[in-house]
Amino acid sequence: MIHNNWVTSPTLKTVTCVHTDAKKFLVSNVLTVGKTYEVKNETEEFLFVIDNTGKIGGYYKEYFQ
């Protein structure tokens, strides 16, 4: 249950959202273009960031720079 501690864990890096044009999912409600987000965990395909809701969310890396 390591994901329960991600909010309080140290930030790995920061990334900026470059677009919210998702093909399948609606991400414009939780990500803002141009805003910087703290990365708490990273996999090959996803970044886990603290989004606009204040919770951890996993998003494709294509949304960030």
Protein backbone atom coordinates (compact mmCIF):
# COMPACT_ATOMS: atom_id res chain seq x y z
CA MET A 1 0.00 0.00 0.00
CA ILE A 2 2.85 2.36 -0.85
CA HIS A 3 0.46 4.61 -2.79
CA ASN A 4 -1.13 5.73 0.49
CA ASN A 5 2.10 7.61 1.37
CA TRP A 6 2.67 9.32 -2.00
CA VAL A 7 1.07 12.61 -0.91
CA THR A 8 3.60 13.06 1.88
CA SER A 9 6.58 11.55 0.04
CA PRO A 10 9.26 13.83 -1.43
CA THR A 11 8.68 15.20 -4.92
CA LEU A 12 10.73 13.43 -7.61
CA LYS A 13 10.50 16.30 -10.12
CA THR A 14 8.07 18.86 -11.47
CA VAL A 15 6.40 18.78 -14.88
CA THR A 16 4.25 21.23 -16.83
CA CYS A 17 0.99 20.23 -18.48
CA VAL A 18 1.15 20.94 -22.23
CA HIS A 19 -2.32 19.79 -23.33
CA THR A 20 -5.51 18.11 -22.13
CA ASP A 21 -6.67 16.74 -25.49
CA ALA A 22 -7.38 13.18 -24.44
CA LYS A 23 -8.69 10.65 -26.95
CA LYS A 24 -10.56 8.47 -24.48
CA PHE A 25 -10.71 10.16 -21.08
CA LEU A 26 -11.74 13.60 -19.80
CA VAL A 27 -8.69 15.14 -18.11
CA SER A 28 -9.47 18.83 -18.54
CA ASN A 29 -11.39 18.75 -15.23
CA VAL A 30 -8.28 17.82 -13.23
CA LEU A 31 -5.34 19.20 -15.26
CA THR A 32 -4.72 22.78 -16.40
CA VAL A 33 -2.59 23.61 -19.42
CA GLY A 34 0.51 25.57 -18.38
CA LYS A 35 0.31 24.61 -14.71
CA THR A 36 3.24 22.88 -12.99
CA TYR A 37 2.59 19.65 -11.09
CA GLU A 38 4.68 17.68 -8.58
CA VAL A 39 5.56 14.14 -9.65
CA LYS A 40 5.29 11.67 -6.78
CA ASN A 41 5.87 8.43 -8.72
CA GLU A 42 6.70 7.47 -12.29
CA THR A 43 6.39 4.37 -14.46
CA GLU A 44 7.26 3.79 -18.12
CA GLU A 45 3.84 4.99 -19.28
CA PHE A 46 2.39 7.09 -16.45
CA LEU A 47 3.21 9.99 -14.15
CA PHE A 48 1.50 10.12 -10.78
CA VAL A 49 0.98 13.77 -9.83
CA ILE A 50 -1.05 15.80 -7.37
CA ASP A 51 -3.75 17.17 -9.67
CA ASN A 52 -6.19 20.08 -9.29
CA THR A 53 -8.37 18.05 -6.88
CA GLY A 54 -5.46 17.80 -4.41
CA LYS A 55 -5.28 14.02 -4.78
CA ILE A 56 -2.83 11.74 -6.57
CA GLY A 57 -3.78 10.89 -10.13
CA GLY A 58 -2.05 8.78 -12.75
CA TYR A 59 -1.84 10.34 -16.22
CA TYR A 60 -0.11 9.45 -19.48
CA LYS A 61 3.26 11.14 -19.92
CA GLU A 62 2.05 12.70 -23.20
CA TYR A 63 0.17 15.39 -21.25
CA PHE A 64 3.38 16.74 -19.67
CA GLN A 65 6.70 18.27 -20.61
